[in-house]
C-alpha cells in the first residue's frame, strides 16, 4: 500500500520538510523520521530544501558493508557479563521509592531468580 500523496502546499518539498505560514511569513521545518521532532530550517526555501535532501540522504542511506563487518568483528558481551554488570554497577546506583539504594539480595518473592538468571550460561547477547 503506497502512502497518501502530499498536500498541495507541501508537494514541491522533499520528504520530511514542511512549510508553515506564521504572520504572513513562510517558515520551513524538518521532521526527523525516527524521533518525529520538528527542527526549524528558517525562511529560505532553497537552503531548507538543500538541507532536507542532505538529511534524508544520511538518514535513509543503507548501512555500508564495512560497518556490518565491524559489528560482527567486535566482541559482544555475554549474557552472564551483562547480568554481572547490571547487578554490580546499575542496581547499586538506583534508588527505591523511599530514596534508599536497591538491595543486591534477591527478595523472598523472587526466590533467588538472579541465581537462575546467572546459571543461564555464557550466551552472547
N, C-alpha and C. Protein backbone atom coordinates (compact mmCIF):
# COMPACT_ATOMS: atom_id res chain seq x y z
N UNK A 1 0.84 -1.16 0.00
CA UNK A 1 0.00 0.00 0.00
C UNK A 1 0.89 1.23 0.00
N UNK A 2 0.69 2.12 -0.92
CA UNK A 2 1.53 3.30 -1.01
C UNK A 2 1.01 4.39 -0.07
N UNK A 3 1.91 5.29 0.36
CA UNK A 3 1.47 6.36 1.25
C UNK A 3 0.60 7.36 0.50
N UNK A 4 -0.18 8.09 1.25
CA UNK A 4 -1.04 9.08 0.61
C UNK A 4 -0.18 10.21 0.04
N UNK A 5 -0.64 10.85 -1.03
CA UNK A 5 0.15 11.92 -1.63
C UNK A 5 0.23 13.14 -0.71
N UNK A 6 1.30 13.90 -0.86
CA UNK A 6 1.48 15.10 -0.05
C UNK A 6 0.44 16.14 -0.45
N UNK A 7 0.09 17.00 0.50
CA UNK A 7 -0.88 18.05 0.19
C UNK A 7 -0.26 19.06 -0.77
N UNK A 8 -1.09 19.88 -1.38
CA UNK A 8 -0.62 20.81 -2.40
C UNK A 8 0.42 21.79 -1.86
N UNK A 9 0.26 22.24 -0.63
CA UNK A 9 1.22 23.23 -0.12
C UNK A 9 2.59 22.62 0.20
N UNK A 10 2.66 21.28 0.33
CA UNK A 10 3.93 20.62 0.61
C UNK A 10 4.43 19.80 -0.58
N UNK A 11 3.74 19.88 -1.70
CA UNK A 11 4.03 18.99 -2.83
C UNK A 11 5.41 19.22 -3.43
N UNK A 12 5.91 20.42 -3.51
CA UNK A 12 7.21 20.70 -4.13
C UNK A 12 8.38 20.51 -3.19
N UNK A 13 8.13 20.13 -1.95
CA UNK A 13 9.19 20.00 -0.96
C UNK A 13 9.63 18.55 -0.83
N UNK A 14 10.89 18.33 -0.45
CA UNK A 14 11.33 16.94 -0.24
C UNK A 14 10.64 16.31 0.96
N UNK A 15 10.81 15.02 1.08
CA UNK A 15 10.20 14.27 2.17
C UNK A 15 10.68 14.81 3.52
N UNK A 16 9.78 14.89 4.48
CA UNK A 16 10.01 15.34 5.85
C UNK A 16 10.23 16.84 5.99
N UNK A 17 10.08 17.61 4.94
CA UNK A 17 10.18 19.07 5.02
C UNK A 17 8.79 19.65 4.85
N UNK A 18 8.42 20.56 5.76
CA UNK A 18 7.08 21.13 5.75
C UNK A 18 7.17 22.65 5.83
N UNK A 19 6.23 23.31 5.18
CA UNK A 19 6.14 24.76 5.22
C UNK A 19 5.03 25.15 6.18
N UNK A 20 5.28 26.19 6.95
CA UNK A 20 4.29 26.68 7.90
C UNK A 20 4.24 28.20 7.79
N UNK A 21 3.05 28.74 7.62
CA UNK A 21 2.88 30.18 7.49
C UNK A 21 2.50 30.76 8.84
N UNK A 22 3.32 31.71 9.31
CA UNK A 22 3.05 32.41 10.58
C UNK A 22 3.23 33.90 10.34
N UNK A 23 2.21 34.64 10.60
CA UNK A 23 2.29 36.10 10.46
C UNK A 23 2.66 36.55 9.06
N UNK A 24 2.21 35.85 8.06
CA UNK A 24 2.49 36.23 6.69
C UNK A 24 3.85 35.75 6.19
N UNK A 25 4.66 35.15 7.04
CA UNK A 25 5.97 34.63 6.67
C UNK A 25 5.89 33.11 6.55
N UNK A 26 6.61 32.55 5.60
CA UNK A 26 6.66 31.11 5.45
C UNK A 26 7.94 30.59 6.09
N UNK A 27 7.77 29.71 7.06
CA UNK A 27 8.90 29.08 7.74
C UNK A 27 8.92 27.61 7.36
N UNK A 28 10.11 27.07 7.24
CA UNK A 28 10.27 25.66 6.89
C UNK A 28 10.80 24.90 8.10
N UNK A 29 10.28 23.70 8.26
CA UNK A 29 10.73 22.87 9.37
C UNK A 29 10.87 21.44 8.90
N UNK A 30 11.83 20.75 9.50
CA UNK A 30 12.16 19.38 9.12
C UNK A 30 11.69 18.46 10.23
N UNK A 31 10.98 17.40 9.88
CA UNK A 31 10.52 16.41 10.84
C UNK A 31 11.44 15.21 10.79
N UNK A 32 12.12 14.95 11.91
CA UNK A 32 13.05 13.81 11.98
C UNK A 32 12.24 12.53 11.85
N UNK A 33 12.57 11.65 10.91
CA UNK A 33 11.73 10.48 10.67
C UNK A 33 11.75 9.45 11.79
N UNK A 34 12.77 9.47 12.64
CA UNK A 34 12.86 8.48 13.71
C UNK A 34 12.23 9.01 14.99
N UNK A 35 12.60 10.24 15.38
CA UNK A 35 12.11 10.80 16.64
C UNK A 35 10.82 11.59 16.48
N UNK A 36 10.45 11.94 15.26
CA UNK A 36 9.26 12.74 14.94
C UNK A 36 9.30 14.14 15.54
N UNK A 37 10.48 14.64 15.87
CA UNK A 37 10.60 16.00 16.38
C UNK A 37 10.84 16.94 15.20
N UNK A 38 10.31 18.14 15.32
CA UNK A 38 10.47 19.14 14.29
C UNK A 38 11.67 20.04 14.61
N UNK A 39 12.41 20.39 13.56
CA UNK A 39 13.56 21.27 13.68
C UNK A 39 13.39 22.41 12.69
N UNK A 40 13.51 23.64 13.16
CA UNK A 40 13.34 24.80 12.30
C UNK A 40 14.45 24.90 11.27
N UNK A 41 14.08 25.22 10.04
CA UNK A 41 15.05 25.33 8.95
C UNK A 41 15.12 26.75 8.39
N UNK A 42 14.40 27.69 8.98
CA UNK A 42 14.48 29.07 8.54
C UNK A 42 13.45 29.44 7.49
N UNK A 43 13.64 30.63 6.90
CA UNK A 43 12.70 31.15 5.91
C UNK A 43 13.12 30.88 4.47
N UNK A 44 14.40 30.63 4.25
CA UNK A 44 14.92 30.46 2.89
C UNK A 44 14.57 29.07 2.37
N UNK A 45 13.73 29.01 1.35
CA UNK A 45 13.27 27.73 0.83
C UNK A 45 14.42 26.94 0.21
N UNK A 46 15.29 27.61 -0.52
CA UNK A 46 16.38 26.93 -1.20
C UNK A 46 17.31 26.24 -0.20
N UNK A 47 17.68 26.93 0.87
CA UNK A 47 18.55 26.34 1.90
C UNK A 47 17.84 25.20 2.64
N UNK A 48 16.57 25.38 2.93
CA UNK A 48 15.82 24.34 3.64
C UNK A 48 15.70 23.08 2.79
N UNK A 49 15.45 23.23 1.50
CA UNK A 49 15.34 22.08 0.61
C UNK A 49 16.69 21.37 0.51
N UNK A 50 17.77 22.14 0.38
CA UNK A 50 19.09 21.55 0.29
C UNK A 50 19.44 20.77 1.56
N UNK A 51 19.17 21.37 2.72
CA UNK A 51 19.47 20.71 3.99
C UNK A 51 18.60 19.46 4.18
N UNK A 52 17.34 19.53 3.79
CA UNK A 52 16.45 18.38 3.94
C UNK A 52 16.90 17.22 3.05
N UNK A 53 17.36 17.52 1.86
CA UNK A 53 17.85 16.45 0.98
C UNK A 53 19.09 15.78 1.56
N UNK A 54 19.98 16.58 2.14
CA UNK A 54 21.19 16.02 2.77
C UNK A 54 20.80 15.15 3.96
N UNK A 55 19.90 15.65 4.80
CA UNK A 55 19.46 14.88 5.97
C UNK A 55 18.77 13.58 5.56
N UNK A 56 17.90 13.66 4.57
CA UNK A 56 17.22 12.45 4.10
C UNK A 56 18.22 11.43 3.55
N UNK A 57 19.22 11.91 2.81
CA UNK A 57 20.22 11.01 2.25
C UNK A 57 21.00 10.32 3.37
N UNK A 58 21.33 11.05 4.42
CA UNK A 58 22.08 10.46 5.54
C UNK A 58 21.22 9.50 6.35
N UNK A 59 19.98 9.86 6.60
CA UNK A 59 19.13 9.03 7.45
C UNK A 59 18.59 7.80 6.73
N UNK A 60 18.42 7.89 5.42
CA UNK A 60 17.86 6.77 4.69
C UNK A 60 18.90 5.95 3.94
N UNK A 61 20.18 6.25 4.15
CA UNK A 61 21.21 5.51 3.42
C UNK A 61 21.33 4.09 3.97
N UNK A 62 21.69 3.19 3.12
CA UNK A 62 21.88 1.80 3.51
C UNK A 62 23.17 1.69 4.31
N UNK A 63 23.20 0.81 5.31
CA UNK A 63 24.44 0.64 6.07
C UNK A 63 25.53 0.07 5.16
N UNK A 64 26.72 0.58 5.31
CA UNK A 64 27.81 0.13 4.45
C UNK A 64 28.27 -1.26 4.88
N UNK A 65 28.91 -1.95 3.97
CA UNK A 65 29.40 -3.29 4.26
C UNK A 65 30.48 -3.25 5.34
N UNK A 66 31.26 -2.16 5.38
CA UNK A 66 32.31 -2.04 6.38
C UNK A 66 31.73 -1.99 7.79
N UNK A 67 30.62 -1.26 7.97
CA UNK A 67 30.04 -1.17 9.30
C UNK A 67 29.44 -2.51 9.73
N UNK A 68 28.93 -3.29 8.77
CA UNK A 68 28.40 -4.61 9.11
C UNK A 68 29.52 -5.56 9.52
N UNK A 69 30.64 -5.48 8.82
CA UNK A 69 31.79 -6.32 9.17
C UNK A 69 32.32 -5.92 10.53
N UNK A 70 32.41 -4.62 10.80
CA UNK A 70 32.90 -4.15 12.10
C UNK A 70 31.99 -4.61 13.22
N UNK A 71 30.69 -4.64 12.98
CA UNK A 71 29.76 -5.07 14.01
C UNK A 71 29.94 -6.55 14.33
N UNK A 72 30.26 -7.35 13.33
CA UNK A 72 30.46 -8.77 13.55
C UNK A 72 31.80 -9.03 14.23
N UNK A 73 32.82 -8.26 13.85
CA UNK A 73 34.15 -8.49 14.40
C UNK A 73 34.29 -8.04 15.85
N UNK A 74 33.51 -7.07 16.29
CA UNK A 74 33.63 -6.60 17.67
C UNK A 74 33.03 -7.63 18.60
N UNK A 75 33.73 -7.94 19.67
CA UNK A 75 33.20 -8.95 20.59
C UNK A 75 31.98 -8.41 21.32
N UNK A 76 30.98 -9.23 21.44
CA UNK A 76 29.77 -8.82 22.15
C UNK A 76 29.84 -9.31 23.59
N UNK A 77 29.09 -8.68 24.44
CA UNK A 77 29.05 -9.03 25.85
C UNK A 77 28.18 -10.27 26.04
N UNK A 78 28.66 -11.22 26.84
CA UNK A 78 27.85 -12.40 27.10
C UNK A 78 26.72 -12.05 28.06
N UNK A 79 25.74 -12.91 28.11
CA UNK A 79 24.59 -12.67 28.97
C UNK A 79 25.02 -12.62 30.44
N UNK A 80 25.91 -13.51 30.84
CA UNK A 80 26.39 -13.53 32.22
C UNK A 80 27.12 -12.22 32.56
N UNK A 81 27.97 -11.73 31.62
CA UNK A 81 28.69 -10.48 31.86
C UNK A 81 27.71 -9.31 31.99
N UNK A 82 26.66 -9.31 31.16
CA UNK A 82 25.69 -8.23 31.23
C UNK A 82 24.95 -8.24 32.57
N UNK A 83 24.54 -9.41 33.03
CA UNK A 83 23.83 -9.50 34.31
C UNK A 83 24.77 -9.10 35.45
N UNK A 84 26.04 -9.53 35.39
CA UNK A 84 27.01 -9.11 36.40
C UNK A 84 27.16 -7.59 36.41
N UNK A 85 27.27 -7.00 35.23
CA UNK A 85 27.38 -5.53 35.12
C UNK A 85 26.12 -4.87 35.71
N UNK A 86 24.97 -5.41 35.39
CA UNK A 86 23.72 -4.83 35.88
C UNK A 86 23.64 -4.89 37.40
N UNK A 87 23.98 -6.05 37.97
CA UNK A 87 23.88 -6.21 39.42
C UNK A 87 24.94 -5.42 40.17
N UNK A 88 26.14 -5.32 39.61
CA UNK A 88 27.24 -4.68 40.33
C UNK A 88 27.34 -3.18 40.08
N UNK A 89 26.92 -2.71 38.90
CA UNK A 89 27.10 -1.30 38.56
C UNK A 89 25.79 -0.50 38.52
N UNK A 90 24.73 -1.09 38.00
CA UNK A 90 23.49 -0.35 37.80
C UNK A 90 22.61 -0.38 39.04
N UNK A 91 22.38 -1.55 39.61
CA UNK A 91 21.46 -1.69 40.75
C UNK A 91 21.90 -0.86 41.95
N UNK A 92 23.19 -0.85 42.33
CA UNK A 92 23.57 -0.04 43.50
C UNK A 92 23.32 1.46 43.32
N UNK A 93 23.29 1.96 42.09
CA UNK A 93 23.07 3.38 41.86
C UNK A 93 21.60 3.76 41.84
N UNK A 94 20.73 2.82 41.64
CA UNK A 94 19.29 3.11 41.59
C UNK A 94 18.72 3.23 43.00
N UNK A 95 17.68 4.03 43.12
CA UNK A 95 17.04 4.25 44.40
C UNK A 95 15.60 3.75 44.36
N UNK A 96 15.14 3.26 45.50
CA UNK A 96 13.75 2.83 45.57
C UNK A 96 12.86 4.03 45.86
N UNK A 97 11.60 3.81 46.13
CA UNK A 97 10.64 4.90 46.35
C UNK A 97 10.97 5.73 47.58
N UNK A 98 11.63 5.12 48.53
CA UNK A 98 11.96 5.83 49.78
C UNK A 98 13.30 6.55 49.70
N UNK A 99 13.98 6.47 48.57
CA UNK A 99 15.25 7.15 48.41
C UNK A 99 16.44 6.33 48.86
N UNK A 100 16.23 5.07 49.19
CA UNK A 100 17.32 4.20 49.59
C UNK A 100 17.76 3.37 48.40
N UNK A 101 19.03 2.93 48.42
CA UNK A 101 19.52 2.13 47.30
C UNK A 101 18.84 0.76 47.31
N UNK A 102 18.75 0.18 46.12
CA UNK A 102 18.12 -1.12 46.00
C UNK A 102 19.01 -2.20 46.59
N UNK A 103 18.41 -3.21 47.12
CA UNK A 103 19.15 -4.29 47.75
C UNK A 103 19.74 -5.21 46.69
N UNK A 104 21.02 -5.59 46.82
CA UNK A 104 21.59 -6.52 45.85
C UNK A 104 21.11 -7.95 46.09
N UNK A 105 20.50 -8.21 47.24
CA UNK A 105 20.00 -9.55 47.55
C UNK A 105 18.65 -9.76 46.88
N UNK A 106 18.37 -10.96 46.40
CA UNK A 106 17.05 -11.22 45.83
C UNK A 106 15.99 -11.20 46.92
N UNK A 107 14.82 -10.73 46.58
CA UNK A 107 13.75 -10.69 47.56
C UNK A 107 13.17 -12.08 47.76
N UNK A 108 12.38 -12.22 48.80
CA UNK A 108 11.78 -13.52 49.08
C UNK A 108 10.81 -13.93 47.98
N UNK A 109 10.16 -12.94 47.39
CA UNK A 109 9.15 -13.26 46.38
C UNK A 109 9.77 -13.81 45.10
N UNK A 110 11.00 -13.37 44.78
CA UNK A 110 11.62 -13.87 43.55
C UNK A 110 12.23 -15.23 43.75
N UNK A 111 12.53 -15.59 44.99
CA UNK A 111 13.05 -16.93 45.25
C UNK A 111 14.41 -17.18 44.62
N UNK A 112 15.25 -16.16 44.59
CA UNK A 112 16.59 -16.35 44.04
C UNK A 112 16.61 -16.37 42.53
N UNK A 113 15.80 -15.54 41.92
CA UNK A 113 15.72 -15.51 40.46
C UNK A 113 17.07 -15.16 39.84
N UNK A 114 17.85 -14.29 40.49
CA UNK A 114 19.13 -13.89 39.93
C UNK A 114 20.06 -15.08 39.76
N UNK A 115 19.98 -16.03 40.68
CA UNK A 115 20.85 -17.20 40.56
C UNK A 115 20.47 -18.03 39.35
N UNK A 116 19.18 -18.14 39.07
CA UNK A 116 18.77 -18.89 37.89
C UNK A 116 19.12 -18.13 36.62
N UNK A 117 19.10 -16.79 36.67
CA UNK A 117 19.48 -15.99 35.52
C UNK A 117 20.97 -16.15 35.24
N UNK A 118 21.77 -16.12 36.31
CA UNK A 118 23.21 -16.27 36.15
C UNK A 118 23.59 -17.66 35.66
N UNK A 119 22.81 -18.66 36.00
CA UNK A 119 23.15 -20.01 35.57
C UNK A 119 22.70 -20.28 34.13
N UNK A 120 22.18 -19.25 33.43
CA UNK A 120 21.71 -19.43 32.05
C UNK A 120 22.86 -19.68 31.10
N UNK A 121 24.09 -19.32 31.49
CA UNK A 121 25.23 -19.62 30.64
C UNK A 121 25.84 -18.40 30.03
N UNK A 122 26.79 -18.63 29.17
CA UNK A 122 27.56 -17.55 28.55
C UNK A 122 27.09 -17.32 27.12
N UNK A 123 25.81 -17.17 26.92
CA UNK A 123 25.29 -16.90 25.59
C UNK A 123 25.51 -15.44 25.25
N UNK A 124 25.89 -15.15 24.02
CA UNK A 124 26.10 -13.78 23.58
C UNK A 124 24.78 -13.08 23.41
N UNK A 125 24.77 -11.81 23.71
CA UNK A 125 23.53 -11.02 23.58
C UNK A 125 23.26 -10.69 22.15
